PDB file of all heavy atoms in Angstrom:
ATOM      1  N   ALA A   1    -118.424 114.030 -49.885  1.00  0.00           N
ATOM      2  CA  ALA A   1    -119.360 113.140 -50.150  1.00  0.00           C
ATOM      3  C   ALA A   1    -119.027 111.722 -49.623  1.00  0.00           C
ATOM      4  O   ALA A   1    -117.881 111.315 -49.650  1.00  0.00           O
ATOM      5  CB  ALA A   1    -119.698 112.980 -51.638  1.00  0.00           C
ATOM      6  N   SER A   2    -119.960 110.927 -49.232  1.00  0.00           N
ATOM      7  CA  SER A   2    -119.749 109.603 -48.806  1.00  0.00           C
ATOM      8  C   SER A   2    -121.006 108.735 -49.060  1.00  0.00           C
ATOM      9  O   SER A   2    -122.079 109.321 -49.250  1.00  0.00           O
ATOM     10  CB  SER A   2    -119.347 109.438 -47.297  1.00  0.00           C
ATOM     11  OG  SER A   2    -120.493 109.992 -46.528  1.00  0.00           O
ATOM     12  N   GLY A   3    -120.799 107.456 -49.139  1.00  0.00           N
ATOM     13  CA  GLY A   3    -121.879 106.572 -49.393  1.00  0.00           C
ATOM     14  C   GLY A   3    -122.438 106.538 -50.937  1.00  0.00           C
ATOM     15  O   GLY A   3    -123.515 105.933 -51.235  1.00  0.00           O
ATOM     16  N   LEU A   4    -121.675 107.083 -51.809  1.00  0.00           N
ATOM     17  CA  LEU A   4    -122.027 106.936 -53.237  1.00  0.00           C
ATOM     18  C   LEU A   4    -120.708 106.789 -54.114  1.00  0.00           C
ATOM     19  O   LEU A   4    -119.519 107.070 -53.654  1.00  0.00           O
ATOM     20  CB  LEU A   4    -122.829 108.143 -53.611  1.00  0.00           C
ATOM     21  CG  LEU A   4    -122.237 109.581 -53.404  1.00  0.00           C
ATOM     22  CD1 LEU A   4    -121.182 110.007 -54.314  1.00  0.00           C
ATOM     23  CD2 LEU A   4    -123.333 110.665 -53.519  1.00  0.00           C
ATOM     24  N   ALA A   5    -120.951 106.330 -55.227  1.00  0.00           N
ATOM     25  CA  ALA A   5    -119.920 106.362 -56.311  1.00  0.00           C
ATOM     26  C   ALA A   5    -119.798 107.608 -56.799  1.00  0.00           C
ATOM     27  O   ALA A   5    -120.284 108.071 -57.857  1.00  0.00           O
ATOM     28  CB  ALA A   5    -120.084 105.234 -57.344  1.00  0.00           C
ATOM     29  N   PHE A   6    -118.828 108.465 -56.211  1.00  0.00           N
ATOM     30  CA  PHE A   6    -118.840 109.944 -56.505  1.00  0.00           C
ATOM     31  C   PHE A   6    -118.636 110.173 -57.993  1.00  0.00           C
ATOM     32  O   PHE A   6    -119.250 111.190 -58.490  1.00  0.00           O
ATOM     33  CB  PHE A   6    -117.561 110.466 -55.619  1.00  0.00           C
ATOM     34  CG  PHE A   6    -117.645 112.107 -55.812  1.00  0.00           C
ATOM     35  CD1 PHE A   6    -118.450 112.713 -55.046  1.00  0.00           C
ATOM     36  CD2 PHE A   6    -116.637 112.559 -56.554  1.00  0.00           C
ATOM     37  CE1 PHE A   6    -118.438 114.115 -55.198  1.00  0.00           C
ATOM     38  CE2 PHE A   6    -116.459 113.963 -56.588  1.00  0.00           C
ATOM     39  CZ  PHE A   6    -117.330 114.745 -55.961  1.00  0.00           C
ATOM     40  N   SER A   7    -117.698 109.524 -58.705  1.00  0.00           N
ATOM     41  CA  SER A   7    -117.437 109.814 -59.944  1.00  0.00           C
ATOM     42  C   SER A   7    -118.559 109.617 -61.007  1.00  0.00           C
ATOM     43  O   SER A   7    -118.607 110.164 -62.209  1.00  0.00           O
ATOM     44  CB  SER A   7    -116.240 109.020 -60.596  1.00  0.00           C
ATOM     45  OG  SER A   7    -116.588 107.533 -60.414  1.00  0.00           O
ATOM     46  N   ASN A   8    -119.642 108.903 -60.624  1.00  0.00           N
ATOM     47  CA  ASN A   8    -120.782 108.676 -61.392  1.00  0.00           C
ATOM     48  C   ASN A   8    -121.928 109.729 -61.163  1.00  0.00           C
ATOM     49  O   ASN A   8    -122.993 109.631 -61.752  1.00  0.00           O
ATOM     50  CB  ASN A   8    -121.438 107.272 -61.169  1.00  0.00           C
ATOM     51  CG  ASN A   8    -120.566 106.159 -61.622  1.00  0.00           C
ATOM     52  OD1 ASN A   8    -119.762 106.373 -62.599  1.00  0.00           O
ATOM     53  ND2 ASN A   8    -120.592 105.084 -60.978  1.00  0.00           N
ATOM     54  N   TYR A   9    -121.703 110.781 -60.304  1.00  0.00           N
ATOM     55  CA  TYR A   9    -122.688 111.666 -59.943  1.00  0.00           C
ATOM     56  C   TYR A   9    -122.354 113.063 -60.413  1.00  0.00           C
ATOM     57  O   TYR A   9    -121.094 113.596 -60.296  1.00  0.00           O
ATOM     58  CB  TYR A   9    -122.779 111.755 -58.477  1.00  0.00           C
ATOM     59  CG  TYR A   9    -123.716 110.721 -57.929  1.00  0.00           C
ATOM     60  CD1 TYR A   9    -123.131 109.329 -57.800  1.00  0.00           C
ATOM     61  CD2 TYR A   9    -125.009 110.793 -57.466  1.00  0.00           C
ATOM     62  CE1 TYR A   9    -123.941 108.391 -57.324  1.00  0.00           C
ATOM     63  CE2 TYR A   9    -125.803 109.899 -57.044  1.00  0.00           C
ATOM     64  CZ  TYR A   9    -125.302 108.548 -56.877  1.00  0.00           C
ATOM     65  OH  TYR A   9    -126.055 107.533 -56.572  1.00  0.00           O
ATOM     66  N   ASP A  10    -123.290 113.804 -61.080  1.00  0.00           N
ATOM     67  CA  ASP A  10    -123.172 115.237 -61.256  1.00  0.00           C
ATOM     68  C   ASP A  10    -123.266 115.918 -59.947  1.00  0.00           C
ATOM     69  O   ASP A  10    -123.909 115.458 -59.013  1.00  0.00           O
ATOM     70  CB  ASP A  10    -124.256 115.747 -62.097  1.00  0.00           C
ATOM     71  CG  ASP A  10    -124.390 115.028 -63.465  1.00  0.00           C
ATOM     72  OD1 ASP A  10    -123.424 114.687 -64.015  1.00  0.00           O
ATOM     73  OD2 ASP A  10    -125.537 114.902 -63.864  1.00  0.00           O
ATOM     74  N   MET A  11    -122.467 117.026 -59.698  1.00  0.00           N
ATOM     75  CA  MET A  11    -122.632 117.732 -58.443  1.00  0.00           C
ATOM     76  C   MET A  11    -122.924 119.166 -58.686  1.00  0.00           C
ATOM     77  O   MET A  11    -122.431 119.836 -59.623  1.00  0.00           O
ATOM     78  CB  MET A  11    -121.085 117.667 -57.803  1.00  0.00           C
ATOM     79  CG  MET A  11    -120.713 116.188 -57.383  1.00  0.00           C
ATOM     80  SD  MET A  11    -121.853 115.396 -56.305  1.00  0.00           S
ATOM     81  CE  MET A  11    -121.630 116.389 -54.847  1.00  0.00           C
ATOM     82  N   GLY A  12    -123.700 119.794 -57.851  1.00  0.00           N
ATOM     83  CA  GLY A  12    -124.110 121.122 -57.995  1.00  0.00           C
ATOM     84  C   GLY A  12    -124.039 122.033 -56.684  1.00  0.00           C
ATOM     85  O   GLY A  12    -123.956 121.326 -55.646  1.00  0.00           O
ATOM     86  N   TRP A  13    -123.994 123.292 -56.864  1.00  0.00           N
ATOM     87  CA  TRP A  13    -124.099 124.177 -55.804  1.00  0.00           C
ATOM     88  C   TRP A  13    -125.268 125.118 -55.890  1.00  0.00           C
ATOM     89  O   TRP A  13    -125.584 125.548 -56.936  1.00  0.00           O
ATOM     90  CB  TRP A  13    -122.768 125.092 -55.579  1.00  0.00           C
ATOM     91  CG  TRP A  13    -121.641 124.281 -54.996  1.00  0.00           C
ATOM     92  CD1 TRP A  13    -120.665 123.803 -55.745  1.00  0.00           C
ATOM     93  CD2 TRP A  13    -121.374 124.230 -53.798  1.00  0.00           C
ATOM     94  NE1 TRP A  13    -119.596 123.215 -54.966  1.00  0.00           N
ATOM     95  CE2 TRP A  13    -120.184 123.531 -53.727  1.00  0.00           C
ATOM     96  CE3 TRP A  13    -121.975 124.530 -52.512  1.00  0.00           C
ATOM     97  CZ2 TRP A  13    -119.454 123.113 -52.600  1.00  0.00           C
ATOM     98  CZ3 TRP A  13    -121.344 124.141 -51.235  1.00  0.00           C
ATOM     99  CH2 TRP A  13    -120.093 123.530 -51.330  1.00  0.00           C
ATOM    100  N   PHE A  14    -126.098 125.189 -54.829  1.00  0.00           N
ATOM    101  CA  PHE A  14    -127.168 126.097 -54.676  1.00  0.00           C
ATOM    102  C   PHE A  14    -127.162 127.072 -53.492  1.00  0.00           C
ATOM    103  O   PHE A  14    -126.406 126.687 -52.605  1.00  0.00           O
ATOM    104  CB  PHE A  14    -128.538 125.384 -54.676  1.00  0.00           C
ATOM    105  CG  PHE A  14    -128.860 124.556 -55.792  1.00  0.00           C
ATOM    106  CD1 PHE A  14    -128.178 123.397 -56.305  1.00  0.00           C
ATOM    107  CD2 PHE A  14    -129.858 124.806 -56.708  1.00  0.00           C
ATOM    108  CE1 PHE A  14    -128.475 122.617 -57.404  1.00  0.00           C
ATOM    109  CE2 PHE A  14    -130.189 124.285 -57.876  1.00  0.00           C
ATOM    110  CZ  PHE A  14    -129.461 122.984 -58.096  1.00  0.00           C
ATOM    111  N   ARG A  15    -127.864 128.205 -53.456  1.00  0.00           N
ATOM    112  CA  ARG A  15    -127.967 129.025 -52.364  1.00  0.00           C
ATOM    113  C   ARG A  15    -129.340 129.417 -52.092  1.00  0.00           C
ATOM    114  O   ARG A  15    -130.146 129.482 -52.954  1.00  0.00           O
ATOM    115  CB  ARG A  15    -127.009 130.112 -52.394  1.00  0.00           C
ATOM    116  CG  ARG A  15    -127.418 131.262 -53.419  1.00  0.00           C
ATOM    117  CD  ARG A  15    -126.471 132.326 -53.413  1.00  0.00           C
ATOM    118  NE  ARG A  15    -126.871 133.420 -54.391  1.00  0.00           N
ATOM    119  CZ  ARG A  15    -126.051 134.286 -54.845  1.00  0.00           C
ATOM    120  NH1 ARG A  15    -124.812 134.227 -54.550  1.00  0.00           N
ATOM    121  NH2 ARG A  15    -126.487 135.217 -55.635  1.00  0.00           N
ATOM    122  N   GLN A  16    -129.625 129.737 -50.838  1.00  0.00           N
ATOM    123  CA  GLN A  16    -130.924 130.243 -50.436  1.00  0.00           C
ATOM    124  C   GLN A  16    -130.895 131.274 -49.309  1.00  0.00           C
ATOM    125  O   GLN A  16    -130.218 131.119 -48.321  1.00  0.00           O
ATOM    126  CB  GLN A  16    -131.815 129.067 -49.865  1.00  0.00           C
ATOM    127  CG  GLN A  16    -133.359 129.429 -49.629  1.00  0.00           C
ATOM    128  CD  GLN A  16    -134.150 128.247 -49.468  1.00  0.00           C
ATOM    129  OE1 GLN A  16    -133.621 127.135 -48.997  1.00  0.00           O
ATOM    130  NE2 GLN A  16    -135.482 128.304 -49.609  1.00  0.00           N
ATOM    131  N   ALA A  17    -131.441 132.454 -49.786  1.00  0.00           N
ATOM    132  CA  ALA A  17    -131.542 133.599 -48.809  1.00  0.00           C
ATOM    133  C   ALA A  17    -132.931 133.596 -48.159  1.00  0.00           C
ATOM    134  O   ALA A  17    -133.856 133.043 -48.648  1.00  0.00           O
ATOM    135  CB  ALA A  17    -131.329 134.972 -49.565  1.00  0.00           C
ATOM    136  N   PRO A  18    -133.054 134.307 -46.939  1.00  0.00           N
ATOM    137  CA  PRO A  18    -134.308 134.252 -46.377  1.00  0.00           C
ATOM    138  C   PRO A  18    -135.397 134.854 -47.201  1.00  0.00           C
ATOM    139  O   PRO A  18    -135.332 135.776 -47.801  1.00  0.00           O
ATOM    140  CB  PRO A  18    -134.249 135.096 -45.124  1.00  0.00           C
ATOM    141  CG  PRO A  18    -132.600 134.879 -44.813  1.00  0.00           C
ATOM    142  CD  PRO A  18    -132.035 134.885 -46.237  1.00  0.00           C
ATOM    143  N   GLY A  19    -136.719 134.119 -47.360  1.00  0.00           N
ATOM    144  CA  GLY A  19    -137.705 134.556 -48.202  1.00  0.00           C
ATOM    145  C   GLY A  19    -137.507 134.395 -49.626  1.00  0.00           C
ATOM    146  O   GLY A  19    -138.459 134.789 -50.438  1.00  0.00           O
ATOM    147  N   LYS A  20    -136.527 133.598 -50.111  1.00  0.00           N
ATOM    148  CA  LYS A  20    -136.258 133.518 -51.360  1.00  0.00           C
ATOM    149  C   LYS A  20    -136.177 132.054 -51.878  1.00  0.00           C
ATOM    150  O   LYS A  20    -136.044 131.170 -50.836  1.00  0.00           O
ATOM    151  CB  LYS A  20    -134.896 134.124 -51.911  1.00  0.00           C
ATOM    152  CG  LYS A  20    -134.985 135.701 -51.748  1.00  0.00           C
ATOM    153  CD  LYS A  20    -133.712 136.280 -52.391  1.00  0.00           C
ATOM    154  CE  LYS A  20    -133.762 137.818 -52.493  1.00  0.00           C
ATOM    155  NZ  LYS A  20    -132.496 138.335 -52.978  1.00  0.00           N
ATOM    156  N   GLU A  21    -136.346 131.717 -53.130  1.00  0.00           N
ATOM    157  CA  GLU A  21    -136.209 130.377 -53.526  1.00  0.00           C
ATOM    158  C   GLU A  21    -134.640 129.907 -53.611  1.00  0.00           C
ATOM    159  O   GLU A  21    -133.833 130.806 -53.659  1.00  0.00           O
ATOM    160  CB  GLU A  21    -136.776 130.196 -54.970  1.00  0.00           C
ATOM    161  CG  GLU A  21    -138.294 130.487 -55.088  1.00  0.00           C
ATOM    162  CD  GLU A  21    -139.093 129.345 -54.738  1.00  0.00           C
ATOM    163  OE1 GLU A  21    -138.627 128.097 -54.720  1.00  0.00           O
ATOM    164  OE2 GLU A  21    -140.143 129.508 -54.205  1.00  0.00           O
ATOM    165  N   ARG A  22    -134.471 128.689 -53.415  1.00  0.00           N
ATOM    166  CA  ARG A  22    -133.327 128.065 -53.470  1.00  0.00           C
ATOM    167  C   ARG A  22    -132.754 128.158 -55.019  1.00  0.00           C
ATOM    168  O   ARG A  22    -133.497 127.585 -55.878  1.00  0.00           O
ATOM    169  CB  ARG A  22    -133.108 126.680 -53.142  1.00  0.00           C
ATOM    170  CG  ARG A  22    -131.720 126.013 -52.910  1.00  0.00           C
ATOM    171  CD  ARG A  22    -131.765 124.705 -52.254  1.00  0.00           C
ATOM    172  NE  ARG A  22    -132.305 124.690 -50.891  1.00  0.00           N
ATOM    173  CZ  ARG A  22    -132.323 123.699 -50.049  1.00  0.00           C
ATOM    174  NH1 ARG A  22    -131.823 122.445 -50.497  1.00  0.00           N
ATOM    175  NH2 ARG A  22    -132.840 123.824 -48.847  1.00  0.00           N
ATOM    176  N   GLU A  23    -131.702 128.823 -55.295  1.00  0.00           N
ATOM    177  CA  GLU A  23    -131.235 129.111 -56.563  1.00  0.00           C
ATOM    178  C   GLU A  23    -130.102 128.446 -57.040  1.00  0.00           C
ATOM    179  O   GLU A  23    -129.138 128.194 -56.251  1.00  0.00           O
ATOM    180  CB  GLU A  23    -131.214 130.584 -56.858  1.00  0.00           C
ATOM    181  CG  GLU A  23    -130.133 131.246 -55.964  1.00  0.00           C
ATOM    182  CD  GLU A  23    -130.083 132.821 -56.241  1.00  0.00           C
ATOM    183  OE1 GLU A  23    -130.718 133.290 -57.031  1.00  0.00           O
ATOM    184  OE2 GLU A  23    -129.352 133.441 -55.489  1.00  0.00           O
ATOM    185  N   PHE A  24    -130.072 128.005 -58.301  1.00  0.00           N
ATOM    186  CA  PHE A  24    -128.850 127.311 -58.858  1.00  0.00           C
ATOM    187  C   PHE A  24    -127.598 128.321 -58.958  1.00  0.00           C
ATOM    188  O   PHE A  24    -127.833 129.394 -59.364  1.00  0.00           O
ATOM    189  CB  PHE A  24    -129.231 126.778 -60.284  1.00  0.00           C
ATOM    190  CG  PHE A  24    -127.993 126.298 -61.092  1.00  0.00           C
ATOM    191  CD1 PHE A  24    -127.485 125.030 -60.739  1.00  0.00           C
ATOM    192  CD2 PHE A  24    -127.490 127.042 -62.111  1.00  0.00           C
ATOM    193  CE1 PHE A  24    -126.415 124.527 -61.544  1.00  0.00           C
ATOM    194  CE2 PHE A  24    -126.394 126.581 -62.848  1.00  0.00           C
ATOM    195  CZ  PHE A  24    -125.819 125.364 -62.522  1.00  0.00           C
ATOM    196  N   LEU A  25    -126.588 127.763 -58.691  1.00  0.00           N
ATOM    197  CA  LEU A  25    -125.271 128.504 -58.823  1.00  0.00           C
ATOM    198  C   LEU A  25    -124.304 127.957 -59.975  1.00  0.00           C
ATOM    199  O   LEU A  25    -123.886 128.609 -60.810  1.00  0.00           O
ATOM    200  CB  LEU A  25    -124.420 128.595 -57.495  1.00  0.00           C
ATOM    201  CG  LEU A  25    -125.241 129.297 -56.326  1.00  0.00           C
ATOM    202  CD1 LEU A  25    -124.497 129.141 -55.017  1.00  0.00           C
ATOM    203  CD2 LEU A  25    -125.575 130.860 -56.664  1.00  0.00           C
ATOM    204  N   ALA A  26    -123.865 126.644 -59.690  1.00  0.00           N
ATOM    205  CA  ALA A  26    -122.965 126.068 -60.602  1.00  0.00           C
ATOM    206  C   ALA A  26    -123.171 124.587 -60.520  1.00  0.00           C
ATOM    207  O   ALA A  26    -123.673 123.996 -59.461  1.00  0.00           O
ATOM    208  CB  ALA A  26    -121.540 126.442 -60.096  1.00  0.00           C
ATOM    209  N   ALA A  27    -122.653 123.805 -61.621  1.00  0.00           N
ATOM    210  CA  ALA A  27    -122.677 122.355 -61.519  1.00  0.00           C
ATOM    211  C   ALA A  27    -121.617 121.875 -62.343  1.00  0.00           C
ATOM    212  O   ALA A  27    -121.073 122.416 -63.303  1.00  0.00           O
ATOM    213  CB  ALA A  27    -124.002 121.805 -62.054  1.00  0.00           C
ATOM    214  N   ILE A  28    -121.123 120.608 -62.081  1.00  0.00           N
ATOM    215  CA  ILE A  28    -119.993 120.060 -62.747  1.00  0.00           C
ATOM    216  C   ILE A  28    -120.438 118.546 -62.975  1.00  0.00           C
ATOM    217  O   ILE A  28    -120.893 117.884 -62.026  1.00  0.00           O
ATOM    218  CB  ILE A  28    -118.627 120.199 -61.974  1.00  0.00           C
ATOM    219  CG1 ILE A  28    -117.489 119.499 -62.907  1.00  0.00           C
ATOM    220  CG2 ILE A  28    -118.770 119.475 -60.621  1.00  0.00           C
ATOM    221  CD1 ILE A  28    -116.187 119.950 -62.237  1.00  0.00           C
ATOM    222  N   LYS A  29    -120.405 118.086 -64.200  1.00  0.00           N
ATOM    223  CA  LYS A  29    -120.824 116.879 -64.557  1.00  0.00           C
ATOM    224  C   LYS A  29    -119.653 115.855 -64.203  1.00  0.00           C
ATOM    225  O   LYS A  29    -118.646 116.203 -63.722  1.00  0.00           O
ATOM    226  CB  LYS A  29    -121.117 116.763 -66.161  1.00  0.00           C
ATOM    227  CG  LYS A  29    -122.107 117.682 -66.667  1.00  0.00           C
ATOM    228  CD  LYS A  29    -123.499 117.014 -66.302  1.00  0.00           C
ATOM    229  CE  LYS A  29    -123.879 115.922 -67.209  1.00  0.00           C
ATOM    230  NZ  LYS A  29    -125.198 115.406 -66.942  1.00  0.00           N
TER     231      LYS A  29
END
């Protein structure tokens, strides 16, 4: 990440397969 105060942001991972919705995988506060 760049351009933000990283420690003040929650971060998440998502994935998307063809024809499917982008789905939540994991997050860290």
